């Protein structure tokens, strides 16, 4: 996860963090981070397979700011609390339901 100069975080996955960070830092990606430099790495985790990394990326991209902040702080309790709050909000918007 990269923290952009204007505040938001960027979540992605790569097989070479150093190379990819240098690309983002130079604006060579031409994407989301190009106009939000400088960026800094605030969190990373290694996964056994590319598929696991892609799944984690997809999950984290859906998270609220509160969940991402809890992850960055290493605060498992806050992460769980944010997940419960997000679930309650979702149920209210969707009118309840059951997950099996």
PDB file of N, CA and C in Angstrom:
ATOM      1  N   UNK A   1       0.868  -1.161   0.000  1.00  0.00           N
ATOM      2  CA  UNK A   1       0.000   0.000   0.000  1.00  0.00           C
ATOM      3  C   UNK A   1       0.913   1.222   0.000  1.00  0.00           C
ATOM      4  N   UNK A   2       0.606   2.147  -0.888  1.00  0.00           N
ATOM      5  CA  UNK A   2       1.342   3.399  -0.959  1.00  0.00           C
ATOM      6  C   UNK A   2       0.474   4.518  -0.420  1.00  0.00           C
ATOM      7  N   UNK A   3       1.093   5.449   0.293  1.00  0.00           N
ATOM      8  CA  UNK A   3       0.385   6.648   0.731  1.00  0.00           C
ATOM      9  C   UNK A   3       0.758   7.756  -0.239  1.00  0.00           C
ATOM     10  N   UNK A   4      -0.242   8.387  -0.826  1.00  0.00           N
ATOM     11  CA  UNK A   4      -0.019   9.443  -1.810  1.00  0.00           C
ATOM     12  C   UNK A   4       0.079  10.798  -1.120  1.00  0.00           C
ATOM     13  N   UNK A   5       0.740  11.744  -1.770  1.00  0.00           N
ATOM     14  CA  UNK A   5       0.981  13.061  -1.169  1.00  0.00           C
ATOM     15  C   UNK A   5      -0.306  13.815  -0.868  1.00  0.00           C
ATOM     16  N   UNK A   6      -1.367  13.550  -1.621  1.00  0.00           N
ATOM     17  CA  UNK A   6      -2.623  14.269  -1.400  1.00  0.00           C
ATOM     18  C   UNK A   6      -3.577  13.526  -0.466  1.00  0.00           C
ATOM     19  N   UNK A   7      -3.110  12.454   0.166  1.00  0.00           N
ATOM     20  CA  UNK A   7      -3.909  11.802   1.192  1.00  0.00           C
ATOM     21  C   UNK A   7      -4.344  10.384   0.932  1.00  0.00           C
ATOM     22  N   UNK A   8      -4.928  10.065  -0.221  1.00  0.00           N
ATOM     23  CA  UNK A   8      -5.442   8.710  -0.393  1.00  0.00           C
ATOM     24  C   UNK A   8      -4.325   7.665  -0.478  1.00  0.00           C
ATOM     25  N   UNK A   9      -4.704   6.422  -0.273  1.00  0.00           N
ATOM     26  CA  UNK A   9      -3.765   5.320  -0.388  1.00  0.00           C
ATOM     27  C   UNK A   9      -4.006   4.578  -1.691  1.00  0.00           C
ATOM     28  N   UNK A  10      -2.940   3.994  -2.214  1.00  0.00           N
ATOM     29  CA  UNK A  10      -3.002   3.196  -3.431  1.00  0.00           C
ATOM     30  C   UNK A  10      -2.681   1.760  -3.052  1.00  0.00           C
ATOM     31  N   UNK A  11      -3.492   0.822  -3.503  1.00  0.00           N
ATOM     32  CA  UNK A  11      -3.279  -0.589  -3.217  1.00  0.00           C
ATOM     33  C   UNK A  11      -2.999  -1.301  -4.533  1.00  0.00           C
ATOM     34  N   UNK A  12      -1.942  -2.078  -4.556  1.00  0.00           N
ATOM     35  CA  UNK A  12      -1.594  -2.838  -5.750  1.00  0.00           C
ATOM     36  C   UNK A  12      -0.792  -4.062  -5.355  1.00  0.00           C
ATOM     37  N   UNK A  13      -0.384  -4.836  -6.350  1.00  0.00           N
ATOM     38  CA  UNK A  13       0.442  -6.005  -6.075  1.00  0.00           C
ATOM     39  C   UNK A  13       1.503  -6.112  -7.169  1.00  0.00           C
ATOM     40  N   UNK A  14       2.626  -6.679  -6.788  1.00  0.00           N
ATOM     41  CA  UNK A  14       3.759  -6.810  -7.697  1.00  0.00           C
ATOM     42  C   UNK A  14       4.642  -7.957  -7.248  1.00  0.00           C
ATOM     43  N   UNK A  15       5.494  -8.427  -8.138  1.00  0.00           N
ATOM     44  CA  UNK A  15       6.469  -9.440  -7.742  1.00  0.00           C
ATOM     45  C   UNK A  15       7.833  -8.816  -7.448  1.00  0.00           C
ATOM     46  N   UNK A  16       7.942  -7.481  -7.581  1.00  0.00           N
ATOM     47  CA  UNK A  16       9.196  -6.775  -7.291  1.00  0.00           C
ATOM     48  C   UNK A  16       8.860  -5.407  -6.703  1.00  0.00           C
ATOM     49  N   UNK A  17       8.750  -5.342  -5.378  1.00  0.00           N
ATOM     50  CA  UNK A  17       8.317  -4.117  -4.705  1.00  0.00           C
ATOM     51  C   UNK A  17       9.263  -2.952  -4.978  1.00  0.00           C
ATOM     52  N   UNK A  18      10.560  -3.188  -4.925  1.00  0.00           N
ATOM     53  CA  UNK A  18      11.522  -2.115  -5.157  1.00  0.00           C
ATOM     54  C   UNK A  18      11.376  -1.488  -6.533  1.00  0.00           C
ATOM     55  N   UNK A  19      11.280  -2.334  -7.559  1.00  0.00           N
ATOM     56  CA  UNK A  19      11.108  -1.844  -8.929  1.00  0.00           C
ATOM     57  C   UNK A  19       9.803  -1.083  -9.075  1.00  0.00           C
ATOM     58  N   UNK A  20       8.733  -1.659  -8.558  1.00  0.00           N
ATOM     59  CA  UNK A  20       7.410  -1.038  -8.718  1.00  0.00           C
ATOM     60  C   UNK A  20       7.332   0.290  -7.973  1.00  0.00           C
ATOM     61  N   UNK A  21       7.925   0.357  -6.776  1.00  0.00           N
ATOM     62  CA  UNK A  21       7.941   1.607  -6.026  1.00  0.00           C
ATOM     63  C   UNK A  21       8.715   2.674  -6.797  1.00  0.00           C
ATOM     64  N   UNK A  22       9.842   2.299  -7.386  1.00  0.00           N
ATOM     65  CA  UNK A  22      10.627   3.247  -8.180  1.00  0.00           C
ATOM     66  C   UNK A  22       9.811   3.755  -9.367  1.00  0.00           C
ATOM     67  N   UNK A  23       9.056   2.870 -10.001  1.00  0.00           N
ATOM     68  CA  UNK A  23       8.205   3.283 -11.126  1.00  0.00           C
ATOM     69  C   UNK A  23       7.149   4.286 -10.671  1.00  0.00           C
ATOM     70  N   UNK A  24       6.501   3.994  -9.554  1.00  0.00           N
ATOM     71  CA  UNK A  24       5.500   4.930  -9.025  1.00  0.00           C
ATOM     72  C   UNK A  24       6.155   6.254  -8.646  1.00  0.00           C
ATOM     73  N   UNK A  25       7.318   6.185  -8.007  1.00  0.00           N
ATOM     74  CA  UNK A  25       8.018   7.388  -7.571  1.00  0.00           C
ATOM     75  C   UNK A  25       8.450   8.281  -8.718  1.00  0.00           C
ATOM     76  N   UNK A  26       8.759   7.672  -9.858  1.00  0.00           N
ATOM     77  CA  UNK A  26       9.193   8.429 -11.033  1.00  0.00           C
ATOM     78  C   UNK A  26       8.013   8.885 -11.888  1.00  0.00           C
ATOM     79  N   UNK A  27       6.818   8.438 -11.544  1.00  0.00           N
ATOM     80  CA  UNK A  27       5.644   8.770 -12.352  1.00  0.00           C
ATOM     81  C   UNK A  27       5.570   7.951 -13.625  1.00  0.00           C
ATOM     82  N   UNK A  28       6.366   6.886 -13.701  1.00  0.00           N
ATOM     83  CA  UNK A  28       6.453   6.073 -14.909  1.00  0.00           C
ATOM     84  C   UNK A  28       5.221   5.207 -15.144  1.00  0.00           C
ATOM     85  N   UNK A  29       4.387   5.043 -14.126  1.00  0.00           N
ATOM     86  CA  UNK A  29       3.204   4.196 -14.287  1.00  0.00           C
ATOM     87  C   UNK A  29       2.117   4.909 -15.071  1.00  0.00           C
ATOM     88  N   UNK A  30       2.140   6.250 -15.035  1.00  0.00           N
ATOM     89  CA  UNK A  30       1.143   7.025 -15.774  1.00  0.00           C
ATOM     90  C   UNK A  30      -0.271   6.867 -15.259  1.00  0.00           C
ATOM     91  N   UNK A  31      -0.450   6.224 -14.145  1.00  0.00           N
ATOM     92  CA  UNK A  31      -1.784   5.969 -13.618  1.00  0.00           C
ATOM     93  C   UNK A  31      -2.134   6.844 -12.436  1.00  0.00           C
ATOM     94  N   UNK A  32      -2.830   6.243 -11.497  1.00  0.00           N
ATOM     95  CA  UNK A  32      -3.389   6.938 -10.337  1.00  0.00           C
ATOM     96  C   UNK A  32      -2.347   7.720  -9.555  1.00  0.00           C
ATOM     97  N   UNK A  33      -1.178   7.137  -9.333  1.00  0.00           N
ATOM     98  CA  UNK A  33      -0.180   7.778  -8.476  1.00  0.00           C
ATOM     99  C   UNK A  33       0.660   8.830  -9.195  1.00  0.00           C
ATOM    100  N   UNK A  34       0.619   8.883 -10.516  1.00  0.00           N
ATOM    101  CA  UNK A  34       1.495   9.787 -11.277  1.00  0.00           C
ATOM    102  C   UNK A  34       1.328  11.244 -10.858  1.00  0.00           C
ATOM    103  N   UNK A  35       0.107  11.662 -10.596  1.00  0.00           N
ATOM    104  CA  UNK A  35      -0.141  13.056 -10.212  1.00  0.00           C
ATOM    105  C   UNK A  35      -0.247  13.224  -8.696  1.00  0.00           C
ATOM    106  N   UNK A  36       0.064  12.174  -7.953  1.00  0.00           N
ATOM    107  CA  UNK A  36      -0.073  12.223  -6.493  1.00  0.00           C
ATOM    108  C   UNK A  36       1.261  11.975  -5.791  1.00  0.00           C
ATOM    109  N   UNK A  37       2.344  12.261  -6.475  1.00  0.00           N
ATOM    110  CA  UNK A  37       3.680  12.053  -5.913  1.00  0.00           C
ATOM    111  C   UNK A  37       4.052  13.208  -5.003  1.00  0.00           C
ATOM    112  N   UNK A  38       4.944  12.982  -4.062  1.00  0.00           N
ATOM    113  CA  UNK A  38       5.634  11.712  -3.817  1.00  0.00           C
ATOM    114  C   UNK A  38       4.737  10.710  -3.098  1.00  0.00           C
ATOM    115  N   UNK A  39       5.073   9.455  -3.285  1.00  0.00           N
ATOM    116  CA  UNK A  39       4.370   8.371  -2.598  1.00  0.00           C
ATOM    117  C   UNK A  39       5.363   7.672  -1.677  1.00  0.00           C
ATOM    118  N   UNK A  40       4.829   6.992  -0.667  1.00  0.00           N
ATOM    119  CA  UNK A  40       5.695   6.207   0.216  1.00  0.00           C
ATOM    120  C   UNK A  40       5.000   4.896   0.547  1.00  0.00           C
ATOM    121  N   UNK A  41       5.793   3.868   0.712  1.00  0.00           N
ATOM    122  CA  UNK A  41       5.264   2.553   1.073  1.00  0.00           C
ATOM    123  C   UNK A  41       4.884   2.593   2.548  1.00  0.00           C
ATOM    124  N   UNK A  42       3.624   2.260   2.844  1.00  0.00           N
ATOM    125  CA  UNK A  42       3.169   2.244   4.233  1.00  0.00           C
ATOM    126  C   UNK A  42       2.834   0.834   4.719  1.00  0.00           C
ATOM    127  N   UNK A  43       2.663  -0.099   3.788  1.00  0.00           N
ATOM    128  CA  UNK A  43       2.356  -1.477   4.184  1.00  0.00           C
ATOM    129  C   UNK A  43       2.650  -2.401   3.015  1.00  0.00           C
ATOM    130  N   UNK A  44       3.186  -3.558   3.323  1.00  0.00           N
ATOM    131  CA  UNK A  44       3.350  -4.605   2.313  1.00  0.00           C
ATOM    132  C   UNK A  44       3.335  -5.955   3.015  1.00  0.00           C
ATOM    133  N   UNK A  45       2.978  -6.957   2.267  1.00  0.00           N
ATOM    134  CA  UNK A  45       2.977  -8.324   2.789  1.00  0.00           C
ATOM    135  C   UNK A  45       3.311  -9.250   1.640  1.00  0.00           C
ATOM    136  N   UNK A  46       4.105 -10.267   1.923  1.00  0.00           N
ATOM    137  CA  UNK A  46       4.438 -11.261   0.905  1.00  0.00           C
ATOM    138  C   UNK A  46       3.426 -12.399   0.953  1.00  0.00           C
ATOM    139  N   UNK A  47       3.100 -12.910  -0.236  1.00  0.00           N
ATOM    140  CA  UNK A  47       2.176 -14.033  -0.359  1.00  0.00           C
ATOM    141  C   UNK A  47       2.866 -15.158  -1.118  1.00  0.00           C
ATOM    142  N   UNK A  48       2.404 -16.366  -0.916  1.00  0.00           N
ATOM    143  CA  UNK A  48       3.016 -17.533  -1.545  1.00  0.00           C
ATOM    144  C   UNK A  48       2.796 -17.565  -3.047  1.00  0.00           C
ATOM    145  N   UNK A  49       1.630 -17.087  -3.476  1.00  0.00           N
ATOM    146  CA  UNK A  49       1.305 -17.134  -4.903  1.00  0.00           C
ATOM    147  C   UNK A  49       0.773 -15.786  -5.375  1.00  0.00           C
ATOM    148  N   UNK A  50       0.846 -15.570  -6.668  1.00  0.00           N
ATOM    149  CA  UNK A  50       0.296 -14.354  -7.277  1.00  0.00           C
ATOM    150  C   UNK A  50      -1.213 -14.293  -7.045  1.00  0.00           C
ATOM    151  N   UNK A  51      -1.880 -15.441  -7.093  1.00  0.00           N
ATOM    152  CA  UNK A  51      -3.328 -15.476  -6.887  1.00  0.00           C
ATOM    153  C   UNK A  51      -3.698 -14.982  -5.495  1.00  0.00           C
ATOM    154  N   UNK A  52      -2.941 -15.387  -4.481  1.00  0.00           N
ATOM    155  CA  UNK A  52      -3.198 -14.911  -3.118  1.00  0.00           C
ATOM    156  C   UNK A  52      -2.995 -13.402  -3.031  1.00  0.00           C
ATOM    157  N   UNK A  53      -1.955 -12.901  -3.679  1.00  0.00           N
ATOM    158  CA  UNK A  53      -1.681 -11.460  -3.667  1.00  0.00           C
ATOM    159  C   UNK A  53      -2.809 -10.690  -4.348  1.00  0.00           C
ATOM    160  N   UNK A  54      -3.284 -11.196  -5.468  1.00  0.00           N
ATOM    161  CA  UNK A  54      -4.387 -10.533  -6.183  1.00  0.00           C
ATOM    162  C   UNK A  54      -5.666 -10.542  -5.355  1.00  0.00           C
ATOM    163  N   UNK A  55      -5.922 -11.644  -4.665  1.00  0.00           N
ATOM    164  CA  UNK A  55      -7.118 -11.728  -3.820  1.00  0.00           C
ATOM    165  C   UNK A  55      -7.031 -10.730  -2.669  1.00  0.00           C
ATOM    166  N   UNK A  56      -5.858 -10.622  -2.045  1.00  0.00           N
ATOM    167  CA  UNK A  56      -5.681  -9.659  -0.951  1.00  0.00           C
ATOM    168  C   UNK A  56      -5.835  -8.237  -1.466  1.00  0.00           C
ATOM    169  N   UNK A  57      -5.258  -7.952  -2.631  1.00  0.00           N
ATOM    170  CA  UNK A  57      -5.394  -6.620  -3.236  1.00  0.00           C
ATOM    171  C   UNK A  57      -6.866  -6.274  -3.455  1.00  0.00           C
ATOM    172  N   UNK A  58      -7.604  -7.193  -4.048  1.00  0.00           N
ATOM    173  CA  UNK A  58      -9.027  -6.954  -4.323  1.00  0.00           C
ATOM    174  C   UNK A  58      -9.804  -6.714  -3.034  1.00  0.00           C
ATOM    175  N   UNK A  59      -9.500  -7.486  -1.998  1.00  0.00           N
ATOM    176  CA  UNK A  59     -10.201  -7.330  -0.724  1.00  0.00           C
ATOM    177  C   UNK A  59      -9.895  -5.976  -0.097  1.00  0.00           C
ATOM    178  N   UNK A  60      -8.624  -5.621  -0.022  1.00  0.00           N
ATOM    179  CA  UNK A  60      -8.225  -4.375   0.639  1.00  0.00           C
ATOM    180  C   UNK A  60      -8.755  -3.160  -0.115  1.00  0.00           C
ATOM    181  N   UNK A  61      -8.823  -3.234  -1.431  1.00  0.00           N
ATOM    182  CA  UNK A  61      -9.350  -2.110  -2.218  1.00  0.00           C
ATOM    183  C   UNK A  61     -10.807  -1.805  -1.858  1.00  0.00           C
ATOM    184  N   UNK A  62     -11.529  -2.798  -1.389  1.00  0.00           N
ATOM    185  CA  UNK A  62     -12.936  -2.609  -1.019  1.00  0.00           C
ATOM    186  C   UNK A  62     -13.101  -2.072   0.400  1.00  0.00           C
ATOM    187  N   UNK A  63     -12.041  -2.085   1.175  1.00  0.00           N
ATOM    188  CA  UNK A  63     -12.127  -1.691   2.576  1.00  0.00           C
ATOM    189  C   UNK A  63     -12.354  -0.198   2.746  1.00  0.00           C
ATOM    190  N   UNK A  64     -12.983   0.145   3.853  1.00  0.00           N
ATOM    191  CA  UNK A  64     -13.159   1.543   4.244  1.00  0.00           C
ATOM    192  C   UNK A  64     -11.821   2.103   4.726  1.00  0.00           C
ATOM    193  N   UNK A  65     -11.737   3.415   4.788  1.00  0.00           N
ATOM    194  CA  UNK A  65     -10.526   4.065   5.312  1.00  0.00           C
ATOM    195  C   UNK A  65     -10.243   3.571   6.731  1.00  0.00           C
ATOM    196  N   UNK A  66     -11.299   3.415   7.531  1.00  0.00           N
ATOM    197  CA  UNK A  66     -11.153   2.953   8.918  1.00  0.00           C
ATOM    198  C   UNK A  66     -10.454   1.590   8.972  1.00  0.00           C
ATOM    199  N   UNK A  67     -10.843   0.678   8.110  1.00  0.00           N
ATOM    200  CA  UNK A  67     -10.217  -0.642   8.087  1.00  0.00           C
ATOM    201  C   UNK A  67      -8.751  -0.547   7.664  1.00  0.00           C
ATOM    202  N   UNK A  68      -8.482   0.262   6.642  1.00  0.00           N
ATOM    203  CA  UNK A  68      -7.096   0.416   6.183  1.00  0.00           C
ATOM    204  C   UNK A  68      -6.223   1.026   7.275  1.00  0.00           C
ATOM    205  N   UNK A  69      -6.749   2.006   7.990  1.00  0.00           N
ATOM    206  CA  UNK A  69      -5.984   2.620   9.078  1.00  0.00           C
ATOM    207  C   UNK A  69      -5.702   1.611  10.189  1.00  0.00           C
ATOM    208  N   UNK A  70      -6.669   0.751  10.488  1.00  0.00           N
ATOM    209  CA  UNK A  70      -6.463  -0.286  11.503  1.00  0.00           C
ATOM    210  C   UNK A  70      -5.394  -1.277  11.042  1.00  0.00           C
ATOM    211  N   UNK A  71      -5.404  -1.634   9.766  1.00  0.00           N
ATOM    212  CA  UNK A  71      -4.381  -2.521   9.217  1.00  0.00           C
ATOM    213  C   UNK A  71      -3.001  -1.888   9.358  1.00  0.00           C
ATOM    214  N   UNK A  72      -2.887  -0.623   8.975  1.00  0.00           N
ATOM    215  CA  UNK A  72      -1.602   0.075   9.048  1.00  0.00           C
ATOM    216  C   UNK A  72      -1.095   0.177  10.480  1.00  0.00           C
ATOM    217  N   UNK A  73      -2.015   0.328  11.425  1.00  0.00           N
ATOM    218  CA  UNK A  73      -1.639   0.431  12.837  1.00  0.00           C
ATOM    219  C   UNK A  73      -1.375  -0.939  13.463  1.00  0.00           C
ATOM    220  N   UNK A  74      -1.712  -2.005  12.732  1.00  0.00           N
ATOM    221  CA  UNK A  74      -1.562  -3.346  13.289  1.00  0.00           C
ATOM    222  C   UNK A  74      -2.563  -3.627  14.388  1.00  0.00           C
ATOM    223  N   UNK A  75      -3.688  -2.923  14.353  1.00  0.00           N
ATOM    224  CA  UNK A  75      -4.696  -3.016  15.402  1.00  0.00           C
ATOM    225  C   UNK A  75      -5.798  -3.989  14.974  1.00  0.00           C
ATOM    226  N   UNK A  76      -5.631  -5.241  15.351  1.00  0.00           N
ATOM    227  CA  UNK A  76      -6.578  -6.281  14.953  1.00  0.00           C
ATOM    228  C   UNK A  76      -7.963  -6.019  15.525  1.00  0.00           C
ATOM    229  N   UNK A  77      -8.035  -5.546  16.769  1.00  0.00           N
ATOM    230  CA  UNK A  77      -9.348  -5.268  17.380  1.00  0.00           C
ATOM    231  C   UNK A  77     -10.091  -4.188  16.597  1.00  0.00           C
ATOM    232  N   UNK A  78      -9.402  -3.121  16.233  1.00  0.00           N
ATOM    233  CA  UNK A  78     -10.041  -2.043  15.476  1.00  0.00           C
ATOM    234  C   UNK A  78     -10.445  -2.530  14.093  1.00  0.00           C
ATOM    235  N   UNK A  79      -9.643  -3.398  13.497  1.00  0.00           N
ATOM    236  CA  UNK A  79      -9.970  -3.955  12.185  1.00  0.00           C
ATOM    237  C   UNK A  79     -11.248  -4.778  12.265  1.00  0.00           C
ATOM    238  N   UNK A  80     -11.362  -5.602  13.300  1.00  0.00           N
ATOM    239  CA  UNK A  80     -12.577  -6.406  13.482  1.00  0.00           C
ATOM    240  C   UNK A  80     -13.788  -5.518  13.766  1.00  0.00           C
ATOM    241  N   UNK A  81     -13.601  -4.493  14.588  1.00  0.00           N
ATOM    242  CA  UNK A  81     -14.705  -3.577  14.900  1.00  0.00           C
ATOM    243  C   UNK A  81     -15.167  -2.850  13.642  1.00  0.00           C
ATOM    244  N   UNK A  82     -14.234  -2.432  12.806  1.00  0.00           N
ATOM    245  CA  UNK A  82     -14.592  -1.756  11.559  1.00  0.00           C
ATOM    246  C   UNK A  82     -15.336  -2.706  10.633  1.00  0.00           C
ATOM    247  N   UNK A  83     -14.934  -3.964  10.615  1.00  0.00           N
ATOM    248  CA  UNK A  83     -15.618  -4.954   9.785  1.00  0.00           C
ATOM    249  C   UNK A  83     -17.051  -5.146  10.257  1.00  0.00           C
ATOM    250  N   UNK A  84     -17.243  -5.208  11.582  1.00  0.00           N
ATOM    251  CA  UNK A  84     -18.609  -5.350  12.117  1.00  0.00           C
ATOM    252  C   UNK A  84     -19.448  -4.130  11.772  1.00  0.00           C
ATOM    253  N   UNK A  85     -18.867  -2.940  11.905  1.00  0.00           N
ATOM    254  CA  UNK A  85     -19.600  -1.718  11.595  1.00  0.00           C
ATOM    255  C   UNK A  85     -19.973  -1.688  10.115  1.00  0.00           C
ATOM    256  N   UNK A  86     -19.026  -2.058   9.248  1.00  0.00           N
ATOM    257  CA  UNK A  86     -19.308  -2.093   7.815  1.00  0.00           C
ATOM    258  C   UNK A  86     -20.429  -3.081   7.509  1.00  0.00           C
ATOM    259  N   UNK A  87     -20.430  -4.236   8.196  1.00  0.00           N
ATOM    260  CA  UNK A  87     -21.454  -5.248   7.963  1.00  0.00           C
ATOM    261  C   UNK A  87     -22.824  -4.738   8.404  1.00  0.00           C
ATOM    262  N   UNK A  88     -22.881  -4.060   9.565  1.00  0.00           N
ATOM    263  CA  UNK A  88     -24.165  -3.510  10.025  1.00  0.00           C
ATOM    264  C   UNK A  88     -24.676  -2.465   9.032  1.00  0.00           C
ATOM    265  N   UNK A  89     -23.802  -1.614   8.547  1.00  0.00           N
ATOM    266  CA  UNK A  89     -24.202  -0.587   7.578  1.00  0.00           C
ATOM    267  C   UNK A  89     -24.710  -1.229   6.300  1.00  0.00           C
ATOM    268  N   UNK A  90     -24.035  -2.283   5.852  1.00  0.00           N
ATOM    269  CA  UNK A  90     -24.441  -2.985   4.643  1.00  0.00           C
ATOM    270  C   UNK A  90     -25.832  -3.593   4.824  1.00  0.00           C
ATOM    271  N   UNK A  91     -26.061  -4.245   5.972  1.00  0.00           N
ATOM    272  CA  UNK A  91     -27.360  -4.862   6.220  1.00  0.00           C
ATOM    273  C   UNK A  91     -28.470  -3.815   6.234  1.00  0.00           C
ATOM    274  N   UNK A  92     -28.197  -2.652   6.821  1.00  0.00           N
ATOM    275  CA  UNK A  92     -29.206  -1.593   6.864  1.00  0.00           C
ATOM    276  C   UNK A  92     -29.531  -1.097   5.457  1.00  0.00           C
ATOM    277  N   UNK A  93     -28.512  -0.952   4.631  1.00  0.00           N
ATOM    278  CA  UNK A  93     -28.733  -0.474   3.258  1.00  0.00           C
ATOM    279  C   UNK A  93     -29.478  -1.504   2.424  1.00  0.00           C
ATOM    280  N   UNK A  94     -29.182  -2.782   2.650  1.00  0.00           N
ATOM    281  CA  UNK A  94     -29.757  -3.846   1.830  1.00  0.00           C
ATOM    282  C   UNK A  94     -31.007  -4.462   2.442  1.00  0.00           C
ATOM    283  N   UNK A  95     -31.375  -4.041   3.639  1.00  0.00           N
ATOM    284  CA  UNK A  95     -32.598  -4.554   4.247  1.00  0.00           C
ATOM    285  C   UNK A  95     -32.439  -5.895   4.935  1.00  0.00           C
ATOM    286  N   UNK A  96     -31.299  -6.135   5.546  1.00  0.00           N
ATOM    287  CA  UNK A  96     -31.103  -7.386   6.289  1.00  0.00           C
ATOM    288  C   UNK A  96     -30.624  -8.496   5.394  1.00  0.00           C
ATOM    289  N   UNK A  97     -30.836  -9.716   5.830  1.00  0.00           N
ATOM    290  CA  UNK A  97     -30.404 -10.857   5.040  1.00  0.00           C
ATOM    291  C   UNK A  97     -29.629 -11.850   5.871  1.00  0.00           C
ATOM    292  N   UNK A  98     -29.378 -12.975   5.262  1.00  0.00           N
ATOM    293  CA  UNK A  98     -28.664 -14.050   5.930  1.00  0.00           C
ATOM    294  C   UNK A  98     -27.507 -14.474   5.043  1.00  0.00           C
ATOM    295  N   UNK A  99     -26.368 -14.697   5.662  1.00  0.00           N
ATOM    296  CA  UNK A  99     -25.209 -15.211   4.940  1.00  0.00           C
ATOM    297  C   UNK A  99     -24.979 -16.629   5.401  1.00  0.00           C
ATOM    298  N   UNK A 100     -24.866 -17.550   4.456  1.00  0.00           N
ATOM    299  CA  UNK A 100     -24.601 -18.952   4.807  1.00  0.00           C
ATOM    300  C   UNK A 100     -23.350 -19.432   4.131  1.00  0.00           C
TER     301      UNK A 100
END
